[in-house]
Amino acid sequence: MSRALRVEDMWAADAASRALGMTLVEVAEGRAVVRMTVRDDMLNGHGTAHGGLVATLADSAFAVACNSHGVAAVASGFEVTFLRPAHVGDVLVATAQERSLTARTGICDVTVRRPDGEVVAEFRGRSRQLPPRTP
């Protein structure tokens, strides 16, 4: 089974990302692009995209990028910095790029942009590859 197919299988089973209307745009080894349109039900009390949902978009792109090597990996932590708001109808694009993969530990940066190209958030995730399962 090819690496891309394994990531596509993982993505197809991701009910949370699907429920938020996310689309996998691109995947390559150590890289992923995921898109999400901000809906009315994604707004916070200030009328802008809820930060938790922006972080979820970034986390979904991170998950695809760190699993793109054909080895199961999970998040061990992340931090996110919110820079600008997003609004209803904005098509947010999260671009994940792995920065380091050493043994089983990885670091991946994700930038979330609005349609005008302005950066909404910067995300840095830490991943851990899981050991192979034994029967």
N, C-alpha and C. Protein backbone atom coordinates (compact mmCIF):
# COMPACT_ATOMS: atom_id res chain seq x y z
N MET A 1 0.85 -1.18 0.00
CA MET A 1 0.00 0.00 0.00
C MET A 1 0.90 1.24 0.00
N SER A 2 0.60 2.21 -0.83
CA SER A 2 1.43 3.42 -0.93
C SER A 2 1.20 4.33 0.27
N ARG A 3 2.17 5.18 0.53
CA ARG A 3 2.06 6.13 1.64
C ARG A 3 0.88 7.06 1.46
N ALA A 4 0.69 7.60 0.26
CA ALA A 4 -0.42 8.53 0.02
C ALA A 4 -1.75 7.86 0.30
N LEU A 5 -1.89 6.60 -0.07
CA LEU A 5 -3.14 5.88 0.16
C LEU A 5 -3.39 5.71 1.65
N ARG A 6 -2.37 5.43 2.43
CA ARG A 6 -2.54 5.27 3.88
C ARG A 6 -3.01 6.59 4.49
N VAL A 7 -2.44 7.70 4.08
CA VAL A 7 -2.86 9.00 4.60
C VAL A 7 -4.29 9.29 4.16
N GLU A 8 -4.61 8.96 2.93
CA GLU A 8 -5.98 9.16 2.44
C GLU A 8 -6.97 8.31 3.22
N ASP A 9 -6.58 7.10 3.59
CA ASP A 9 -7.45 6.26 4.42
C ASP A 9 -7.65 6.88 5.80
N MET A 10 -6.58 7.39 6.39
CA MET A 10 -6.68 8.06 7.69
C MET A 10 -7.60 9.27 7.57
N TRP A 11 -7.42 10.05 6.51
CA TRP A 11 -8.24 11.25 6.30
C TRP A 11 -9.71 10.87 6.12
N ALA A 12 -9.97 9.83 5.36
CA ALA A 12 -11.35 9.39 5.13
C ALA A 12 -12.04 8.96 6.42
N ALA A 13 -11.27 8.48 7.39
CA ALA A 13 -11.83 8.04 8.67
C ALA A 13 -11.92 9.17 9.69
N ASP A 14 -11.48 10.38 9.34
CA ASP A 14 -11.45 11.52 10.27
C ASP A 14 -12.82 12.21 10.29
N ALA A 15 -13.70 11.74 11.17
CA ALA A 15 -15.06 12.27 11.25
C ALA A 15 -15.09 13.72 11.70
N ALA A 16 -14.18 14.13 12.57
CA ALA A 16 -14.17 15.51 13.08
C ALA A 16 -13.87 16.49 11.95
N SER A 17 -12.84 16.22 11.17
CA SER A 17 -12.49 17.12 10.07
C SER A 17 -13.60 17.16 9.03
N ARG A 18 -14.18 16.02 8.76
CA ARG A 18 -15.29 15.95 7.80
C ARG A 18 -16.48 16.77 8.29
N ALA A 19 -16.81 16.67 9.59
CA ALA A 19 -17.94 17.41 10.16
C ALA A 19 -17.74 18.92 10.05
N LEU A 20 -16.50 19.36 10.06
CA LEU A 20 -16.20 20.79 9.94
C LEU A 20 -16.05 21.22 8.48
N GLY A 21 -16.27 20.30 7.55
CA GLY A 21 -16.23 20.63 6.13
C GLY A 21 -14.83 20.79 5.56
N MET A 22 -13.84 20.21 6.22
CA MET A 22 -12.46 20.34 5.74
C MET A 22 -12.24 19.48 4.50
N THR A 23 -11.36 19.97 3.64
CA THR A 23 -10.97 19.27 2.42
C THR A 23 -9.46 19.14 2.38
N LEU A 24 -8.99 17.93 2.10
CA LEU A 24 -7.56 17.71 1.91
C LEU A 24 -7.22 18.12 0.49
N VAL A 25 -6.39 19.15 0.36
CA VAL A 25 -6.05 19.72 -0.94
C VAL A 25 -4.78 19.10 -1.51
N GLU A 26 -3.80 18.86 -0.64
CA GLU A 26 -2.50 18.38 -1.10
C GLU A 26 -1.85 17.58 0.01
N VAL A 27 -1.14 16.52 -0.39
CA VAL A 27 -0.32 15.77 0.56
C VAL A 27 0.94 15.31 -0.15
N ALA A 28 2.05 15.48 0.54
CA ALA A 28 3.34 14.98 0.08
C ALA A 28 4.09 14.59 1.35
N GLU A 29 5.18 13.91 1.21
CA GLU A 29 5.91 13.49 2.39
C GLU A 29 6.33 14.71 3.22
N GLY A 30 5.83 14.77 4.46
CA GLY A 30 6.16 15.87 5.37
C GLY A 30 5.40 17.15 5.10
N ARG A 31 4.38 17.11 4.26
CA ARG A 31 3.66 18.33 3.88
C ARG A 31 2.18 18.02 3.65
N ALA A 32 1.33 19.00 3.98
CA ALA A 32 -0.11 18.86 3.71
C ALA A 32 -0.75 20.23 3.61
N VAL A 33 -1.82 20.31 2.81
CA VAL A 33 -2.62 21.53 2.71
C VAL A 33 -4.08 21.11 2.91
N VAL A 34 -4.75 21.78 3.85
CA VAL A 34 -6.14 21.49 4.18
C VAL A 34 -6.92 22.79 4.14
N ARG A 35 -8.15 22.73 3.63
CA ARG A 35 -8.98 23.93 3.47
C ARG A 35 -10.29 23.76 4.26
N MET A 36 -10.80 24.89 4.79
CA MET A 36 -12.07 24.91 5.52
C MET A 36 -12.73 26.27 5.32
N THR A 37 -14.03 26.26 5.03
CA THR A 37 -14.80 27.49 4.92
C THR A 37 -15.45 27.80 6.26
N VAL A 38 -15.28 29.04 6.73
CA VAL A 38 -15.87 29.46 8.00
C VAL A 38 -17.38 29.61 7.82
N ARG A 39 -18.13 28.88 8.66
CA ARG A 39 -19.59 28.90 8.63
C ARG A 39 -20.12 29.69 9.83
N ASP A 40 -21.43 30.02 9.78
CA ASP A 40 -22.08 30.73 10.88
C ASP A 40 -21.92 30.00 12.21
N ASP A 41 -22.00 28.67 12.19
CA ASP A 41 -21.91 27.90 13.43
C ASP A 41 -20.48 27.74 13.94
N MET A 42 -19.52 28.42 13.30
CA MET A 42 -18.13 28.38 13.73
C MET A 42 -17.68 29.68 14.38
N LEU A 43 -18.63 30.59 14.61
CA LEU A 43 -18.29 31.91 15.14
C LEU A 43 -18.29 31.92 16.67
N ASN A 44 -17.43 32.77 17.21
CA ASN A 44 -17.42 32.99 18.66
C ASN A 44 -18.35 34.16 19.00
N GLY A 45 -18.35 34.58 20.24
CA GLY A 45 -19.21 35.67 20.69
C GLY A 45 -18.88 37.03 20.11
N HIS A 46 -17.73 37.16 19.46
CA HIS A 46 -17.34 38.43 18.81
C HIS A 46 -17.68 38.43 17.33
N GLY A 47 -18.25 37.31 16.83
CA GLY A 47 -18.62 37.24 15.43
C GLY A 47 -17.49 36.88 14.50
N THR A 48 -16.39 36.36 15.05
CA THR A 48 -15.27 35.91 14.22
C THR A 48 -15.08 34.40 14.43
N ALA A 49 -14.28 33.79 13.58
CA ALA A 49 -14.05 32.35 13.69
C ALA A 49 -13.51 32.00 15.07
N HIS A 50 -14.09 30.98 15.67
CA HIS A 50 -13.66 30.52 16.99
C HIS A 50 -12.22 30.01 16.90
N GLY A 51 -11.37 30.46 17.81
CA GLY A 51 -9.97 30.06 17.80
C GLY A 51 -9.76 28.57 17.88
N GLY A 52 -10.62 27.88 18.63
CA GLY A 52 -10.50 26.44 18.73
C GLY A 52 -10.70 25.74 17.40
N LEU A 53 -11.55 26.31 16.55
CA LEU A 53 -11.79 25.70 15.24
C LEU A 53 -10.67 26.03 14.26
N VAL A 54 -10.09 27.22 14.39
CA VAL A 54 -8.90 27.55 13.58
C VAL A 54 -7.76 26.61 13.97
N ALA A 55 -7.60 26.37 15.28
CA ALA A 55 -6.57 25.44 15.75
C ALA A 55 -6.85 24.02 15.26
N THR A 56 -8.12 23.64 15.20
CA THR A 56 -8.49 22.31 14.71
C THR A 56 -8.11 22.16 13.24
N LEU A 57 -8.33 23.19 12.45
CA LEU A 57 -7.92 23.15 11.04
C LEU A 57 -6.41 22.93 10.95
N ALA A 58 -5.64 23.70 11.71
CA ALA A 58 -4.19 23.55 11.69
C ALA A 58 -3.78 22.16 12.17
N ASP A 59 -4.44 21.66 13.20
CA ASP A 59 -4.13 20.34 13.74
C ASP A 59 -4.42 19.25 12.71
N SER A 60 -5.46 19.41 11.93
CA SER A 60 -5.79 18.42 10.91
C SER A 60 -4.71 18.38 9.82
N ALA A 61 -4.24 19.55 9.40
CA ALA A 61 -3.15 19.59 8.41
C ALA A 61 -1.88 18.99 9.00
N PHE A 62 -1.59 19.30 10.24
CA PHE A 62 -0.45 18.74 10.97
C PHE A 62 -0.54 17.21 10.99
N ALA A 63 -1.72 16.68 11.30
CA ALA A 63 -1.90 15.23 11.38
C ALA A 63 -1.57 14.56 10.05
N VAL A 64 -2.03 15.14 8.96
CA VAL A 64 -1.76 14.55 7.65
C VAL A 64 -0.26 14.61 7.35
N ALA A 65 0.37 15.75 7.61
CA ALA A 65 1.80 15.89 7.31
C ALA A 65 2.64 14.90 8.12
N CYS A 66 2.34 14.75 9.41
CA CYS A 66 3.20 13.88 10.22
C CYS A 66 2.88 12.40 10.03
N ASN A 67 1.77 12.07 9.39
CA ASN A 67 1.45 10.68 9.07
C ASN A 67 1.80 10.34 7.62
N SER A 68 2.36 11.28 6.89
CA SER A 68 2.62 11.09 5.47
C SER A 68 3.79 10.17 5.16
N HIS A 69 4.48 9.72 6.20
CA HIS A 69 5.63 8.83 5.99
C HIS A 69 5.23 7.36 5.98
N GLY A 70 3.93 7.09 6.17
CA GLY A 70 3.48 5.71 6.18
C GLY A 70 3.60 5.04 7.54
N VAL A 71 3.96 5.81 8.57
CA VAL A 71 4.07 5.32 9.94
C VAL A 71 3.08 6.11 10.78
N ALA A 72 2.28 5.42 11.59
CA ALA A 72 1.29 6.10 12.42
C ALA A 72 1.99 7.04 13.40
N ALA A 73 1.49 8.27 13.47
CA ALA A 73 2.04 9.28 14.37
C ALA A 73 0.89 10.02 15.04
N VAL A 74 1.12 10.47 16.27
CA VAL A 74 0.13 11.22 17.02
C VAL A 74 0.77 12.50 17.54
N ALA A 75 -0.08 13.46 17.90
CA ALA A 75 0.43 14.72 18.47
C ALA A 75 0.88 14.49 19.90
N SER A 76 2.01 15.08 20.25
CA SER A 76 2.44 15.07 21.64
C SER A 76 2.26 16.46 22.25
N GLY A 77 1.89 17.41 21.41
CA GLY A 77 1.60 18.76 21.89
C GLY A 77 1.65 19.75 20.75
N PHE A 78 1.11 20.94 21.01
CA PHE A 78 1.21 22.02 20.02
C PHE A 78 0.98 23.34 20.71
N GLU A 79 1.40 24.39 20.02
CA GLU A 79 1.06 25.75 20.46
C GLU A 79 0.59 26.50 19.23
N VAL A 80 -0.32 27.43 19.47
CA VAL A 80 -0.88 28.20 18.36
C VAL A 80 -0.91 29.67 18.76
N THR A 81 -0.58 30.52 17.79
CA THR A 81 -0.63 31.96 17.99
C THR A 81 -1.62 32.53 16.98
N PHE A 82 -2.63 33.24 17.48
CA PHE A 82 -3.65 33.85 16.63
C PHE A 82 -3.22 35.27 16.30
N LEU A 83 -3.21 35.61 15.01
CA LEU A 83 -2.70 36.90 14.56
C LEU A 83 -3.78 37.82 14.01
N ARG A 84 -4.76 37.25 13.32
CA ARG A 84 -5.85 38.03 12.71
C ARG A 84 -7.13 37.21 12.76
N PRO A 85 -8.26 37.89 12.72
CA PRO A 85 -9.54 37.16 12.72
C PRO A 85 -9.88 36.61 11.33
N ALA A 86 -10.76 35.63 11.35
CA ALA A 86 -11.36 35.13 10.11
C ALA A 86 -12.86 35.32 10.26
N HIS A 87 -13.56 35.43 9.13
CA HIS A 87 -14.98 35.79 9.13
C HIS A 87 -15.79 34.77 8.35
N VAL A 88 -17.09 34.81 8.53
CA VAL A 88 -18.00 33.92 7.80
C VAL A 88 -17.71 34.03 6.30
N GLY A 89 -17.62 32.88 5.67
CA GLY A 89 -17.36 32.83 4.24
C GLY A 89 -15.89 32.76 3.88
N ASP A 90 -15.00 33.09 4.82
CA ASP A 90 -13.57 32.97 4.53
C ASP A 90 -13.21 31.51 4.30
N VAL A 91 -12.45 31.26 3.25
CA VAL A 91 -11.93 29.93 2.99
C VAL A 91 -10.51 29.91 3.55
N LEU A 92 -10.37 29.30 4.71
CA LEU A 92 -9.06 29.25 5.37
C LEU A 92 -8.25 28.09 4.81
N VAL A 93 -6.97 28.35 4.58
CA VAL A 93 -6.07 27.33 4.06
C VAL A 93 -4.94 27.15 5.06
N ALA A 94 -4.79 25.90 5.51
CA ALA A 94 -3.71 25.54 6.46
C ALA A 94 -2.65 24.77 5.69
N THR A 95 -1.44 25.30 5.70
CA THR A 95 -0.32 24.65 5.03
C THR A 95 0.66 24.16 6.09
N ALA A 96 0.83 22.84 6.14
CA ALA A 96 1.71 22.20 7.12
C ALA A 96 3.00 21.77 6.45
N GLN A 97 4.11 22.04 7.13
CA GLN A 97 5.42 21.64 6.62
C GLN A 97 6.24 21.09 7.78
N GLU A 98 6.63 19.85 7.65
CA GLU A 98 7.48 19.24 8.68
C GLU A 98 8.83 19.93 8.69
N ARG A 99 9.32 20.26 9.87
CA ARG A 99 10.61 20.92 10.01
C ARG A 99 11.70 19.96 10.44
N SER A 100 11.31 18.94 11.22
CA SER A 100 12.30 18.00 11.75
C SER A 100 11.62 16.68 12.02
N LEU A 101 12.32 15.59 11.71
CA LEU A 101 11.88 14.25 12.09
C LEU A 101 13.13 13.49 12.49
N THR A 102 13.25 13.22 13.78
CA THR A 102 14.41 12.55 14.33
C THR A 102 13.93 11.32 15.09
N ALA A 103 14.44 10.17 14.72
CA ALA A 103 13.98 8.92 15.31
C ALA A 103 12.46 8.87 15.17
N ARG A 104 11.72 9.00 16.27
CA ARG A 104 10.25 8.93 16.20
C ARG A 104 9.59 10.26 16.56
N THR A 105 10.36 11.33 16.72
CA THR A 105 9.81 12.63 17.15
C THR A 105 9.91 13.64 16.02
N GLY A 106 8.81 14.38 15.80
CA GLY A 106 8.80 15.37 14.73
C GLY A 106 8.32 16.73 15.19
N ILE A 107 8.68 17.74 14.42
CA ILE A 107 8.20 19.11 14.61
C ILE A 107 7.65 19.56 13.26
N CYS A 108 6.46 20.17 13.31
CA CYS A 108 5.79 20.59 12.09
C CYS A 108 5.18 21.97 12.30
N ASP A 109 5.40 22.87 11.37
CA ASP A 109 4.82 24.21 11.41
C ASP A 109 3.64 24.28 10.44
N VAL A 110 2.59 24.96 10.88
CA VAL A 110 1.39 25.14 10.05
C VAL A 110 1.04 26.62 10.03
N THR A 111 0.82 27.16 8.85
CA THR A 111 0.35 28.53 8.69
C THR A 111 -1.08 28.48 8.17
N VAL A 112 -1.98 29.22 8.83
CA VAL A 112 -3.38 29.32 8.40
C VAL A 112 -3.57 30.71 7.82
N ARG A 113 -4.05 30.77 6.58
CA ARG A 113 -4.25 32.05 5.88
C ARG A 113 -5.71 32.26 5.49
N ARG A 114 -6.08 33.55 5.45
CA ARG A 114 -7.38 33.96 4.90
C ARG A 114 -7.24 34.04 3.38
N PRO A 115 -8.37 34.23 2.67
CA PRO A 115 -8.32 34.33 1.21
C PRO A 115 -7.46 35.49 0.71
N ASP A 116 -7.34 36.57 1.49
CA ASP A 116 -6.53 37.71 1.05
C ASP A 116 -5.04 37.48 1.28
N GLY A 117 -4.69 36.28 1.79
CA GLY A 117 -3.29 35.94 2.01
C GLY A 117 -2.78 36.31 3.39
N GLU A 118 -3.56 37.06 4.15
CA GLU A 118 -3.15 37.44 5.49
C GLU A 118 -3.11 36.20 6.40
N VAL A 119 -2.10 36.15 7.25
CA VAL A 119 -1.94 35.02 8.16
C VAL A 119 -2.90 35.19 9.34
N VAL A 120 -3.72 34.16 9.57
CA VAL A 120 -4.67 34.13 10.69
C VAL A 120 -4.00 33.54 11.92
N ALA A 121 -3.22 32.46 11.73
CA ALA A 121 -2.60 31.79 12.87
C ALA A 121 -1.33 31.06 12.44
N GLU A 122 -0.43 30.94 13.40
CA GLU A 122 0.77 30.12 13.24
C GLU A 122 0.72 29.04 14.32
N PHE A 123 1.00 27.82 13.92
CA PHE A 123 0.84 26.65 14.76
C PHE A 123 2.14 25.85 14.69
N ARG A 124 2.63 25.37 15.83
CA ARG A 124 3.78 24.46 15.82
C ARG A 124 3.36 23.21 16.59
N GLY A 125 3.43 22.09 15.90
CA GLY A 125 3.05 20.82 16.52
C GLY A 125 4.24 19.91 16.71
N ARG A 126 4.13 19.11 17.76
CA ARG A 126 5.14 18.09 18.04
C ARG A 126 4.46 16.72 17.89
N SER A 127 5.10 15.83 17.16
CA SER A 127 4.50 14.52 16.91
C SER A 127 5.41 13.41 17.43
N ARG A 128 4.79 12.27 17.60
CA ARG A 128 5.51 11.06 18.03
C ARG A 128 5.00 9.90 17.19
N GLN A 129 5.94 9.25 16.48
CA GLN A 129 5.55 8.07 15.72
C GLN A 129 5.33 6.91 16.69
N LEU A 130 4.27 6.15 16.43
CA LEU A 130 3.95 5.01 17.29
C LEU A 130 4.79 3.81 16.90
N PRO A 131 5.14 2.99 17.87
CA PRO A 131 5.87 1.77 17.52
C PRO A 131 4.95 0.83 16.74
N PRO A 132 5.52 -0.02 15.92
CA PRO A 132 4.70 -0.97 15.17
C PRO A 132 3.89 -1.85 16.12
N ARG A 133 2.67 -2.16 15.71
CA ARG A 133 1.82 -3.06 16.51
C ARG A 133 2.29 -4.48 16.34
N THR A 134 2.25 -5.20 17.44
CA THR A 134 2.57 -6.63 17.37
C THR A 134 1.28 -7.42 17.47
N PRO A 135 1.18 -8.50 16.70
CA PRO A 135 -0.07 -9.28 16.70
C PRO A 135 -0.36 -9.96 18.01
